[in-house]
C-alpha atoms as a PDB file:
ATOM      1  CA  MET A   1      -6.133   0.460  25.619  1.00  0.00           C
ATOM      2  CA  SER A   2      -4.952  -2.876  24.326  1.00  0.00           C
ATOM      3  CA  ALA A   3      -1.929  -2.806  21.511  1.00  0.00           C
ATOM      4  CA  ASN A   4      -3.865  -4.524  19.327  1.00  0.00           C
ATOM      5  CA  LEU A   5      -6.831  -1.825  19.299  1.00  0.00           C
ATOM      6  CA  ILE A   6      -4.141   1.075  18.952  1.00  0.00           C
ATOM      7  CA  SER A   7      -2.579  -1.213  15.967  1.00  0.00           C
ATOM      8  CA  PHE A   8      -5.865  -1.412  14.511  1.00  0.00           C
ATOM      9  CA  ILE A   9      -6.762   2.179  14.638  1.00  0.00           C
ATOM     10  CA  THR A  10      -3.664   3.457  13.438  1.00  0.00           C
ATOM     11  CA  VAL A  11      -4.161   0.929  10.333  1.00  0.00           C
ATOM     12  CA  ILE A  12      -7.473   2.170   9.871  1.00  0.00           C
ATOM     13  CA  ILE A  13      -6.166   5.618   9.247  1.00  0.00           C
ATOM     14  CA  ALA A  14      -3.799   4.502   7.210  1.00  0.00           C
ATOM     15  CA  GLY A  15      -6.056   2.404   5.240  1.00  0.00           C
ATOM     16  CA  ALA A  16      -8.094   6.120   5.040  1.00  0.00           C
ATOM     17  CA  ALA A  17      -5.129   8.253   4.129  1.00  0.00           C
ATOM     18  CA  ILE A  18      -4.697   6.043   1.076  1.00  0.00           C
ATOM     19  CA  ALA A  19      -7.745   6.352  -0.022  1.00  0.00           C
ATOM     20  CA  MET A  20      -7.453   9.879  -0.098  1.00  0.00           C
ATOM     21  CA  GLN A  21      -4.374   9.753  -1.364  1.00  0.00           C
ATOM     22  CA  ALA A  22      -5.186   8.650  -4.884  1.00  0.00           C
ATOM     23  CA  PRO A  23      -7.252  11.286  -5.476  1.00  0.00           C
ATOM     24  CA  ILE A  24      -5.113  14.246  -4.166  1.00  0.00           C
ATOM     25  CA  ASN A  25      -2.878  12.625  -6.530  1.00  0.00           C
ATOM     26  CA  SER A  26      -4.989  12.748  -9.415  1.00  0.00           C
ATOM     27  CA  ALA A  27      -5.326  16.276  -8.813  1.00  0.00           C
ATOM     28  CA  LEU A  28      -2.212  17.211  -8.727  1.00  0.00           C
ATOM     29  CA  GLY A  29      -1.357  14.801 -11.939  1.00  0.00           C
ATOM     30  CA  ALA A  30      -4.148  16.431 -13.638  1.00  0.00           C
ATOM     31  CA  THR A  31      -3.446  20.149 -12.236  1.00  0.00           C
ATOM     32  CA  ALA A  32       0.035  19.866 -13.386  1.00  0.00           C
ATOM     33  CA  GLY A  33      -0.345  17.920 -16.247  1.00  0.00           C
ATOM     34  CA  SER A  34       1.505  15.003 -15.810  1.00  0.00           C
ATOM     35  CA  ASN A  35       0.456  11.851 -13.386  1.00  0.00           C
ATOM     36  CA  LEU A  36       4.228  10.963 -13.441  1.00  0.00           C
ATOM     37  CA  PHE A  37       4.833  14.092 -12.148  1.00  0.00           C
ATOM     38  CA  ALA A  38       2.171  14.070  -8.948  1.00  0.00           C
ATOM     39  CA  ALA A  39       3.157  10.669  -8.639  1.00  0.00           C
ATOM     40  CA  THR A  40       7.137  11.775  -8.368  1.00  0.00           C
ATOM     41  CA  ALA A  41       6.167  14.625  -5.652  1.00  0.00           C
ATOM     42  CA  SER A  42       3.908  12.553  -3.990  1.00  0.00           C
ATOM     43  CA  PHE A  43       7.525  10.533  -3.222  1.00  0.00           C
ATOM     44  CA  LEU A  44       9.294  13.236  -3.112  1.00  0.00           C
ATOM     45  CA  ILE A  45       7.484  14.517  -0.183  1.00  0.00           C
ATOM     46  CA  GLY A  46       7.382  11.139   1.470  1.00  0.00           C
ATOM     47  CA  THR A  47      11.216  10.903   1.333  1.00  0.00           C
ATOM     48  CA  VAL A  48      11.536  13.803   2.385  1.00  0.00           C
ATOM     49  CA  CYS A  49       9.223  13.471   5.899  1.00  0.00           C
ATOM     50  CA  LEU A  50      10.590   9.996   6.260  1.00  0.00           C
ATOM     51  CA  LEU A  51      14.302  10.914   5.721  1.00  0.00           C
ATOM     52  CA  LEU A  52      13.564  13.868   8.577  1.00  0.00           C
ATOM     53  CA  LEU A  53      12.308  11.051  11.021  1.00  0.00           C
ATOM     54  CA  PHE A  54      14.943   8.876  10.925  1.00  0.00           C
ATOM     55  CA  MET A  55      17.297  11.253  10.733  1.00  0.00           C
ATOM     56  CA  GLY A  56      15.945  12.643  13.858  1.00  0.00           C
ATOM     57  CA  SER A  57      15.340   8.575  15.456  1.00  0.00           C
ATOM     58  CA  GLY A  58      19.222   8.188  15.147  1.00  0.00           C
ATOM     59  CA  ALA A  59      18.847   4.161  14.148  1.00  0.00           C
ATOM     60  CA  PHE A  60      21.204   4.600  11.471  1.00  0.00           C
ATOM     61  CA  PRO A  61      22.450   1.004   9.813  1.00  0.00           C
ATOM     62  CA  ALA A  62      25.764  -0.408   9.710  1.00  0.00           C
ATOM     63  CA  ARG A  63      26.800  -0.232   6.624  1.00  0.00           C
ATOM     64  CA  GLU A  64      27.834  -3.743   5.796  1.00  0.00           C
ATOM     65  CA  THR A  65      24.138  -4.914   7.266  1.00  0.00           C
ATOM     66  CA  LEU A  66      23.152  -2.533   3.907  1.00  0.00           C
ATOM     67  CA  LEU A  67      25.695  -4.399   1.817  1.00  0.00           C
ATOM     68  CA  SER A  68      24.348  -8.163   2.822  1.00  0.00           C
ATOM     69  CA  VAL A  69      20.757  -7.269   2.089  1.00  0.00           C
ATOM     70  CA  PRO A  70      19.132  -9.709  -0.284  1.00  0.00           C
ATOM     71  CA  TRP A  71      18.054  -7.881  -3.364  1.00  0.00           C
ATOM     72  CA  TRP A  72      14.029  -8.140  -3.026  1.00  0.00           C
ATOM     73  CA  MET A  73      14.384  -6.510   0.095  1.00  0.00           C
ATOM     74  CA  TRP A  74      14.794  -3.233  -1.960  1.00  0.00           C
ATOM     75  CA  THR A  75      11.903  -3.414  -4.576  1.00  0.00           C
ATOM     76  CA  GLY A  76       9.331  -2.401  -2.020  1.00  0.00           C
ATOM     77  CA  GLY A  77       9.848   1.198  -3.060  1.00  0.00           C
ATOM     78  CA  LEU A  78       9.097   0.154  -7.219  1.00  0.00           C
ATOM     79  CA  LEU A  79       5.825  -1.524  -5.228  1.00  0.00           C
ATOM     80  CA  GLY A  80       4.417   1.503  -4.214  1.00  0.00           C
ATOM     81  CA  ALA A  81       5.644   3.598  -6.660  1.00  0.00           C
ATOM     82  CA  PHE A  82       3.039   1.252  -9.255  1.00  0.00           C
ATOM     83  CA  TYR A  83       0.861   1.366  -7.175  1.00  0.00           C
ATOM     84  CA  VAL A  84       0.710   5.151  -6.362  1.00  0.00           C
ATOM     85  CA  TRP A  85       1.207   5.316 -10.354  1.00  0.00           C
ATOM     86  CA  ALA A  86      -1.928   3.053 -11.116  1.00  0.00           C
ATOM     87  CA  ALA A  87      -4.276   4.933  -7.816  1.00  0.00           C
ATOM     88  CA  LEU A  88      -3.840   8.244  -9.345  1.00  0.00           C
ATOM     89  CA  SER A  89      -4.198   7.085 -13.219  1.00  0.00           C
ATOM     90  CA  ASN A  90      -7.245   5.236 -12.720  1.00  0.00           C
ATOM     91  CA  VAL A  91      -8.936   7.048  -9.323  1.00  0.00           C
ATOM     92  CA  GLN A  92     -10.989   9.525 -12.228  1.00  0.00           C
ATOM     93  CA  SER A  93     -12.365   6.616 -13.918  1.00  0.00           C
ATOM     94  CA  ILE A  94     -13.473   4.237 -11.598  1.00  0.00           C
ATOM     95  CA  GLY A  95     -13.623   6.304  -8.255  1.00  0.00           C
ATOM     96  CA  VAL A  96     -12.312   6.278  -4.972  1.00  0.00           C
ATOM     97  CA  LEU A  97     -14.685   3.450  -3.722  1.00  0.00           C
ATOM     98  CA  SER A  98     -13.893   1.099  -6.886  1.00  0.00           C
ATOM     99  CA  LEU A  99     -10.019   1.927  -6.897  1.00  0.00           C
ATOM    100  CA  VAL A 100      -9.877   0.982  -3.127  1.00  0.00           C
ATOM    101  CA  ALA A 101     -12.459  -2.464  -3.368  1.00  0.00           C
ATOM    102  CA  ALA A 102      -9.724  -3.574  -6.305  1.00  0.00           C
ATOM    103  CA  VAL A 103      -6.592  -2.330  -4.006  1.00  0.00           C
ATOM    104  CA  MET A 104      -8.290  -4.824  -1.180  1.00  0.00           C
ATOM    105  CA  LEU A 105      -9.016  -7.397  -3.797  1.00  0.00           C
ATOM    106  CA  GLY A 106      -5.294  -7.553  -5.022  1.00  0.00           C
ATOM    107  CA  GLN A 107      -3.901  -7.168  -1.673  1.00  0.00           C
ATOM    108  CA  LEU A 108      -6.428  -9.888  -0.070  1.00  0.00           C
ATOM    109  CA  ALA A 109      -5.474 -12.177  -3.091  1.00  0.00           C
ATOM    110  CA  ALA A 110      -1.444 -11.809  -3.010  1.00  0.00           C
ATOM    111  CA  ALA A 111      -1.802 -12.019   0.800  1.00  0.00           C
ATOM    112  CA  LEU A 112      -3.532 -14.961   0.897  1.00  0.00           C
ATOM    113  CA  THR A 113      -0.450 -16.787  -1.226  1.00  0.00           C
ATOM    114  CA  LEU A 114       2.268 -14.757   1.112  1.00  0.00           C
ATOM    115  CA  ASP A 115       0.794 -15.839   4.868  1.00  0.00           C
ATOM    116  CA  ALA A 116       0.534 -19.190   3.528  1.00  0.00           C
ATOM    117  CA  ILE A 117       3.765 -19.164   2.350  1.00  0.00           C
ATOM    118  CA  GLY A 118       5.356 -17.114   5.115  1.00  0.00           C
ATOM    119  CA  PHE A 119       7.305 -14.921   2.595  1.00  0.00           C
ATOM    120  CA  GLY A 120       9.793 -12.199   4.042  1.00  0.00           C
ATOM    121  CA  ASN A 121      10.254 -14.588   7.233  1.00  0.00           C
ATOM    122  CA  LEU A 122       6.679 -13.903   8.032  1.00  0.00           C
ATOM    123  CA  GLN A 123       5.025 -17.032  10.604  1.00  0.00           C
ATOM    124  CA  THR A 124       2.716 -19.086   7.879  1.00  0.00           C
ATOM    125  CA  HIS A 125      -1.204 -18.425   8.004  1.00  0.00           C
ATOM    126  CA  ASP A 126      -3.276 -21.868   6.405  1.00  0.00           C
ATOM    127  CA  ILE A 127      -5.499 -21.301   3.521  1.00  0.00           C
ATOM    128  CA  SER A 128      -8.376 -21.816   4.982  1.00  0.00           C
ATOM    129  CA  TRP A 129     -12.264 -21.694   3.377  1.00  0.00           C
ATOM    130  CA  GLN A 130     -13.061 -18.524   5.711  1.00  0.00           C
ATOM    131  CA  ARG A 131      -9.802 -16.808   4.310  1.00  0.00           C
ATOM    132  CA  ILE A 132     -10.532 -17.688   0.691  1.00  0.00           C
ATOM    133  CA  LEU A 133     -14.370 -16.230   1.189  1.00  0.00           C
ATOM    134  CA  SER A 134     -13.404 -13.100   2.428  1.00  0.00           C
ATOM    135  CA  VAL A 135     -11.529 -12.307  -1.117  1.00  0.00           C
ATOM    136  CA  PHE A 136     -14.582 -13.499  -2.566  1.00  0.00           C
ATOM    137  CA  LEU A 137     -16.531 -11.203  -0.392  1.00  0.00           C
ATOM    138  CA  VAL A 138     -14.452  -8.452  -1.360  1.00  0.00           C
ATOM    139  CA  GLY A 139     -14.469  -9.425  -4.971  1.00  0.00           C
ATOM    140  CA  GLY A 140     -18.318  -8.908  -4.738  1.00  0.00           C
ATOM    141  CA  GLY A 141     -18.144  -5.994  -3.508  1.00  0.00           C
ATOM    142  CA  LEU A 142     -15.986  -4.517  -6.093  1.00  0.00           C
ATOM    143  CA  ILE A 143     -18.825  -5.781  -8.639  1.00  0.00           C
ATOM    144  CA  LEU A 144     -21.496  -4.136  -6.625  1.00  0.00           C
ATOM    145  CA  SER A 145     -19.744  -0.627  -6.165  1.00  0.00           C
ATOM    146  CA  ARG A 146     -19.581  -0.965  -9.997  1.00  0.00           C
ATOM    147  CA  TYR A 147     -22.889  -2.149 -11.093  1.00  0.00           C
END
């Protein structure tokens, strides 16, 4: 099996996990009476799991390296927290399919721009009509998922 196929399968499974995450967290929030608690619990459990994996890896960055990291590289956790809160707070009202379609629309629109500018030292990818069409098709899918 090629490395790319394994990568795609892994990411597809991760996508399924994201679809499952919102209703699970929403149910926790409803049961506990607080969406913020559910989002916090989600990140706390995820942090513990990642911390165990990290500690087991032995790949500890040097203090100097951490001190030299630009500020914007620390914002990923904030973005993840916003996503988890937004997803679990809205999945009950719009449903999982529309939630995932809306997330995909936001991801593709942002990705189109990030690819074009090479954000985060990534290789640039030109904006083409096919890429723009893919964003519009997901937008159409979002509309169809609601009506």
